[in-house]
Amino acid sequence: MTHLYISGKFGGRKYQASKSGATVAYRAALRRKLNQTGWRQRGAVGAAVLDSVEFRVGGLAKVEFLIGFLARRLLGDQDQVDFNDADPQGGQISPTGLEDVVAIDVETTGLDSRRDRIVELALVGLTGEGDLAWQWESLINPERPVPLSATQIHGIRDSDLVNAPVFSEVSGAVEALLAEKVLLAHNLRFDAGFLHAEFRRCGLAVPTNRGIDTLQMSRQFDANERSHKLADACRRYGVYLSGGHRAKQDAMAVAQLFVAMCERNEDHSSGFSPGTYRIG
């Protein structure tokens, strides 16, 4: 099976699409179909017309997401492409649209995903423009007492969880919301690790293994800052974060922080290129 890299240049920036099992004709098809949308870009503003609907975006990060959106719609599900910046000095471009990103936050009984459990889970989706699109949250019965040390952090007590579902009862809903998506978290390894562990206990496959970590983005973009905790990163980017340390509020803050980071650092956008992660 061959792996074809398709390079193109839009608005002075180089892009590259990759596809396994592709033919040389795929390269020409991609360029031709993008041209059919009337794609044009001037500076940090891009526009295209697809099915009589005009798409306009501002900011290089959003322009890049629009290119990915157009390619996916034009080439069809069977011809999914990933976009990466072919310019070694330009960083990487996100291979997905913002609508493919789901922010996640978990509150737990402790720090070890092998023996501790989730007590609250929240998911937050984005629109293609970077606004909050939907949210899902649930308390989770961990089937064990919540240590006082954990309650002191998130405020969730055993009495709050008596009537909460166990993870297996919400796993179907979580799986449907995360299928084909890119996980977004601040300290992705922690949240994804607990999610993986809960799915494994149910005998289920994890619905996604791609993720973006705003903690790593903060370390990359703000290397001179002393703290990269969620609260401090949100403060730097003007994102509101409540002090309650609950899953929904944290997931919403992570989603907004990600968008703010992309917009402020659009010339060095490698930090928001989804990577494949493996837990355990």
Protein backbone atom coordinates (compact mmCIF):
# COMPACT_ATOMS: atom_id res chain seq x y z
CA MET A 1 0.00 0.00 0.00
CA THR A 2 1.39 3.38 -0.97
CA HIS A 3 1.25 6.51 1.11
CA LEU A 4 0.84 9.62 -1.00
CA TYR A 5 1.71 13.09 0.19
CA ILE A 6 -0.14 15.83 -1.63
CA SER A 7 1.34 19.27 -1.31
CA GLY A 8 -0.31 22.52 -2.20
CA LYS A 9 0.17 26.20 -1.56
CA PHE A 10 -2.60 28.49 -0.34
CA GLY A 11 -2.10 32.12 0.55
CA GLY A 12 1.66 31.80 0.67
CA ARG A 13 1.60 28.85 3.09
CA LYS A 14 2.46 25.30 2.11
CA TYR A 15 0.11 22.47 2.95
CA GLN A 16 0.41 18.76 2.62
CA ALA A 17 -2.32 16.12 2.57
CA SER A 18 -1.56 12.49 3.19
CA LYS A 19 -3.56 9.42 2.21
CA SER A 20 -2.77 5.72 2.41
CA GLY A 21 -3.46 3.70 -0.71
CA ALA A 22 -3.85 6.81 -2.85
CA THR A 23 -3.08 7.19 -6.54
CA VAL A 24 -1.23 10.00 -8.23
CA ALA A 25 -4.54 11.24 -9.61
CA TYR A 26 -5.66 12.01 -6.06
CA ARG A 27 -3.28 14.95 -5.96
CA ALA A 28 -4.84 16.56 -9.01
CA ALA A 29 -8.35 15.81 -7.75
CA LEU A 30 -7.70 17.59 -4.47
CA ARG A 31 -6.39 20.73 -6.12
CA ARG A 32 -9.11 20.74 -8.76
CA LYS A 33 -11.92 20.35 -6.25
CA LEU A 34 -10.56 23.01 -3.94
CA ASN A 35 -10.35 25.37 -6.92
CA GLN A 36 -13.99 24.60 -7.72
CA THR A 37 -15.02 26.14 -4.40
CA GLY A 38 -13.58 29.45 -5.52
CA TRP A 39 -11.06 29.15 -2.70
CA ARG A 40 -9.15 32.36 -2.12
CA GLN A 41 -7.08 33.75 0.69
CA ARG A 42 -5.69 37.20 1.33
CA GLY A 43 -3.53 37.41 4.40
CA ALA A 44 -5.35 35.91 7.37
CA VAL A 45 -8.78 35.90 5.66
CA GLY A 46 -10.05 32.97 3.62
CA ALA A 47 -13.24 32.35 1.68
CA ALA A 48 -14.85 29.62 -0.40
CA VAL A 49 -18.28 28.82 -1.87
CA LEU A 50 -19.57 25.28 -1.44
CA ASP A 51 -23.07 24.20 -2.50
CA SER A 52 -24.05 27.86 -2.89
CA VAL A 53 -22.99 28.57 0.70
CA GLU A 54 -20.18 31.05 1.17
CA PHE A 55 -17.73 30.32 3.97
CA ARG A 56 -15.64 33.19 5.31
CA VAL A 57 -13.17 33.02 8.17
CA GLY A 58 -10.58 35.31 9.68
CA GLY A 59 -7.34 34.40 11.42
CA LEU A 60 -4.83 31.94 10.01
CA ALA A 61 -5.82 29.20 12.44
CA LYS A 62 -9.44 29.34 11.27
CA VAL A 63 -8.39 29.59 7.62
CA GLU A 64 -6.47 26.35 8.05
CA PHE A 65 -9.48 24.66 9.62
CA LEU A 66 -11.62 25.81 6.66
CA ILE A 67 -9.19 24.22 4.19
CA GLY A 68 -9.45 20.93 6.07
CA PHE A 69 -13.25 21.23 6.20
CA LEU A 70 -13.49 21.80 2.44
CA ALA A 71 -11.18 18.91 1.61
CA ARG A 72 -13.14 16.48 3.78
CA ARG A 73 -16.51 17.54 2.32
CA LEU A 74 -15.28 17.56 -1.27
CA LEU A 75 -13.38 14.30 -1.26
CA GLY A 76 -15.88 12.29 0.78
CA ASP A 77 -15.57 10.10 3.84
CA GLN A 78 -13.68 7.41 1.94
CA ASP A 79 -10.97 9.90 1.04
CA GLN A 80 -10.26 11.46 4.42
CA VAL A 81 -7.12 13.56 4.37
CA ASP A 82 -4.86 14.92 7.06
CA PHE A 83 -3.34 18.36 6.63
CA ASN A 84 0.13 19.12 7.85
CA ASP A 85 2.28 22.09 7.12
CA ALA A 86 4.95 21.13 4.59
CA ASP A 87 7.04 24.16 5.51
CA PRO A 88 9.50 23.04 8.22
CA GLN A 89 9.60 26.57 9.62
CA GLY A 90 5.86 26.96 9.75
CA GLY A 91 4.90 24.38 12.33
CA GLN A 92 2.05 21.92 11.81
CA ILE A 93 -1.50 22.64 10.78
CA SER A 94 -4.43 20.94 12.46
CA PRO A 95 -5.67 17.97 10.41
CA THR A 96 -9.17 18.42 11.76
CA GLY A 97 -11.73 21.14 12.09
CA LEU A 98 -12.64 22.63 15.45
CA GLU A 99 -15.92 20.73 15.24
CA ASP A 100 -13.91 17.51 15.54
CA VAL A 101 -12.48 18.50 18.92
CA VAL A 102 -14.11 17.48 22.22
CA ALA A 103 -12.80 18.87 25.50
CA ILE A 104 -12.82 16.42 28.40
CA ASP A 105 -12.36 16.74 32.13
CA VAL A 106 -12.68 14.12 34.85
CA GLU A 107 -12.88 14.33 38.62
CA THR A 108 -11.68 11.20 40.37
CA THR A 109 -11.18 9.35 43.64
CA GLY A 110 -7.40 9.71 43.31
CA LEU A 111 -4.47 9.99 40.93
CA ASP A 112 -3.90 6.37 39.85
CA SER A 113 -6.13 5.29 36.96
CA ARG A 114 -5.31 1.64 37.64
CA ARG A 115 -7.08 1.63 40.99
CA ASP A 116 -8.92 4.96 41.31
CA ARG A 117 -12.19 5.75 39.54
CA ILE A 118 -14.00 8.62 37.84
CA VAL A 119 -16.66 10.38 39.93
CA GLU A 120 -17.58 13.07 37.38
CA LEU A 121 -17.10 13.34 33.62
CA ALA A 122 -17.79 16.26 31.31
CA LEU A 123 -17.47 16.63 27.53
CA VAL A 124 -17.70 19.91 25.61
CA GLY A 125 -17.89 20.22 21.82
CA LEU A 126 -16.94 23.15 19.61
CA THR A 127 -18.41 24.65 16.47
CA GLY A 128 -16.21 25.13 13.42
CA GLU A 129 -15.88 28.77 14.46
CA GLY A 130 -14.55 27.98 17.91
CA ASP A 131 -17.71 28.61 19.93
CA LEU A 132 -19.09 26.16 22.49
CA ALA A 133 -21.54 23.90 20.64
CA TRP A 134 -22.75 21.33 23.16
CA GLN A 135 -21.95 19.88 26.55
CA TRP A 136 -22.54 16.61 28.34
CA GLU A 137 -21.86 15.87 31.98
CA SER A 138 -22.63 13.24 34.56
CA LEU A 139 -21.71 12.24 38.06
CA ILE A 140 -20.37 8.68 38.07
CA ASN A 141 -20.78 6.21 40.93
CA PRO A 142 -17.24 4.86 41.52
CA GLU A 143 -18.58 1.85 43.44
CA ARG A 144 -16.26 2.71 46.32
CA PRO A 145 -15.96 5.47 48.94
CA VAL A 146 -14.56 8.83 47.87
CA PRO A 147 -11.50 9.66 50.00
CA LEU A 148 -11.63 12.88 51.98
CA SER A 149 -8.49 14.07 50.19
CA ALA A 150 -10.34 13.88 46.85
CA THR A 151 -13.51 15.51 48.21
CA GLN A 152 -11.42 18.42 49.46
CA ILE A 153 -10.37 19.07 45.86
CA HIS A 154 -13.64 18.75 43.91
CA GLY A 155 -16.25 18.79 46.68
CA ILE A 156 -17.99 15.59 45.56
CA ARG A 157 -19.12 13.38 48.46
CA ASP A 158 -20.36 9.81 48.70
CA SER A 159 -23.88 11.13 49.31
CA ASP A 160 -23.78 12.96 45.95
CA LEU A 161 -23.13 9.69 44.13
CA VAL A 162 -25.72 7.35 45.64
CA ASN A 163 -28.11 7.67 42.69
CA ALA A 164 -25.47 8.38 40.04
CA PRO A 165 -24.97 5.84 37.21
CA VAL A 166 -21.92 3.60 37.15
CA PHE A 167 -19.62 4.14 34.17
CA SER A 168 -20.96 1.16 32.21
CA GLU A 169 -24.39 2.84 32.19
CA VAL A 170 -23.07 5.96 30.46
CA SER A 171 -20.37 4.32 28.35
CA GLY A 172 -22.64 4.11 25.30
CA ALA A 173 -23.39 7.84 25.37
CA VAL A 174 -19.72 8.69 25.90
CA GLU A 175 -18.64 6.38 23.09
CA ALA A 176 -21.11 7.98 20.67
CA LEU A 177 -19.96 11.50 21.54
CA LEU A 178 -16.26 10.67 21.18
CA ALA A 179 -16.27 8.42 18.11
CA GLU A 180 -14.00 9.83 15.39
CA LYS A 181 -13.22 12.86 17.58
CA VAL A 182 -10.04 14.40 18.92
CA LEU A 183 -9.79 14.57 22.71
CA LEU A 184 -8.75 17.89 24.21
CA ALA A 185 -7.58 18.21 27.81
CA HIS A 186 -5.19 20.05 30.09
CA ASN A 187 -2.81 17.24 31.05
CA LEU A 188 -4.28 14.84 28.51
CA ARG A 189 -2.50 11.82 29.91
CA PHE A 190 -4.42 12.09 33.18
CA ASP A 191 -7.93 12.48 31.73
CA ALA A 192 -7.39 10.08 28.84
CA GLY A 193 -5.79 7.56 31.17
CA PHE A 194 -8.86 7.44 33.40
CA LEU A 195 -11.16 7.28 30.38
CA HIS A 196 -9.21 4.37 28.91
CA ALA A 197 -9.24 2.54 32.24
CA GLU A 198 -13.02 2.88 32.60
CA PHE A 199 -13.65 1.61 29.08
CA ARG A 200 -11.32 -1.32 29.66
CA ARG A 201 -13.22 -2.29 32.81
CA CYS A 202 -16.37 -2.45 30.68
CA GLY A 203 -14.63 -4.61 28.09
CA LEU A 204 -15.01 -1.88 25.48
CA ALA A 205 -12.62 -0.34 22.99
CA VAL A 206 -11.74 3.30 23.51
CA PRO A 207 -13.56 5.39 20.86
CA THR A 208 -10.57 7.61 20.00
CA ASN A 209 -6.81 7.66 20.41
CA ARG A 210 -6.08 11.14 19.06
CA GLY A 211 -5.62 14.06 21.38
CA ILE A 212 -4.44 17.60 21.99
CA ASP A 213 -2.95 18.72 25.29
CA THR A 214 -3.29 22.40 26.23
CA LEU A 215 -0.72 21.81 28.98
CA GLN A 216 1.87 20.97 26.32
CA MET A 217 0.68 23.91 24.22
CA SER A 218 1.21 26.22 27.19
CA ARG A 219 4.71 24.87 27.74
CA GLN A 220 5.50 25.42 24.07
CA PHE A 221 3.90 28.81 23.51
CA ASP A 222 4.69 30.30 26.93
CA ALA A 223 7.99 28.65 27.72
CA ASN A 224 9.14 31.58 29.86
CA GLU A 225 6.18 31.35 32.23
CA ARG A 226 6.76 29.67 35.58
CA SER A 227 3.37 27.97 35.88
CA HIS A 228 1.36 26.08 33.29
CA LYS A 229 -1.51 25.06 35.55
CA LEU A 230 -4.96 25.41 34.00
CA ALA A 231 -5.87 28.39 36.17
CA ASP A 232 -2.68 30.25 35.28
CA ALA A 233 -2.95 29.47 31.56
CA CYS A 234 -6.57 30.67 31.55
CA ARG A 235 -5.55 33.87 33.29
CA ARG A 236 -2.88 34.56 30.65
CA TYR A 237 -5.36 34.07 27.81
CA GLY A 238 -8.30 35.85 29.39
CA VAL A 239 -10.43 32.72 29.82
CA TYR A 240 -12.85 32.54 32.74
CA LEU A 241 -12.37 29.56 35.07
CA SER A 242 -14.54 29.07 38.12
CA GLY A 243 -12.79 28.06 41.30
CA GLY A 244 -14.97 25.03 41.98
CA HIS A 245 -12.75 22.43 40.28
CA ARG A 246 -15.74 20.65 38.70
CA ALA A 247 -15.66 18.73 35.43
CA LYS A 248 -18.03 20.86 33.33
CA GLN A 249 -16.47 24.18 34.28
CA ASP A 250 -12.97 22.85 33.67
CA ALA A 251 -13.87 21.28 30.31
CA MET A 252 -15.51 24.51 29.14
CA ALA A 253 -12.43 26.46 30.18
CA VAL A 254 -10.11 24.04 28.37
CA ALA A 255 -12.15 24.38 25.16
CA GLN A 256 -12.03 28.17 25.31
CA LEU A 257 -8.35 28.15 26.25
CA PHE A 258 -7.54 26.01 23.23
CA VAL A 259 -9.29 28.41 20.85
CA ALA A 260 -7.62 31.42 22.47
CA MET A 261 -4.21 29.76 22.20
CA CYS A 262 -4.75 28.97 18.53
CA GLU A 263 -5.76 32.52 17.73
CA ARG A 264 -2.94 34.18 19.65
CA ASN A 265 -0.27 31.81 18.37
CA GLU A 266 -1.52 31.24 14.83
CA ASP A 267 1.95 31.76 13.34
CA HIS A 268 3.33 28.90 15.46
CA SER A 269 0.44 26.48 15.36
CA SER A 270 2.22 23.18 15.84
CA GLY A 271 0.81 22.84 19.34
CA PHE A 272 -2.71 22.18 18.15
CA SER A 273 -1.90 19.46 15.63
CA PRO A 274 -3.61 16.35 17.05
CA GLY A 275 -1.23 13.57 17.90
CA THR A 276 -1.84 9.90 18.52
CA TYR A 277 -1.48 8.99 22.15
CA ARG A 278 -1.27 5.67 23.90
CA ILE A 279 -2.10 5.15 27.55
CA GLY A 280 -0.88 2.14 29.48
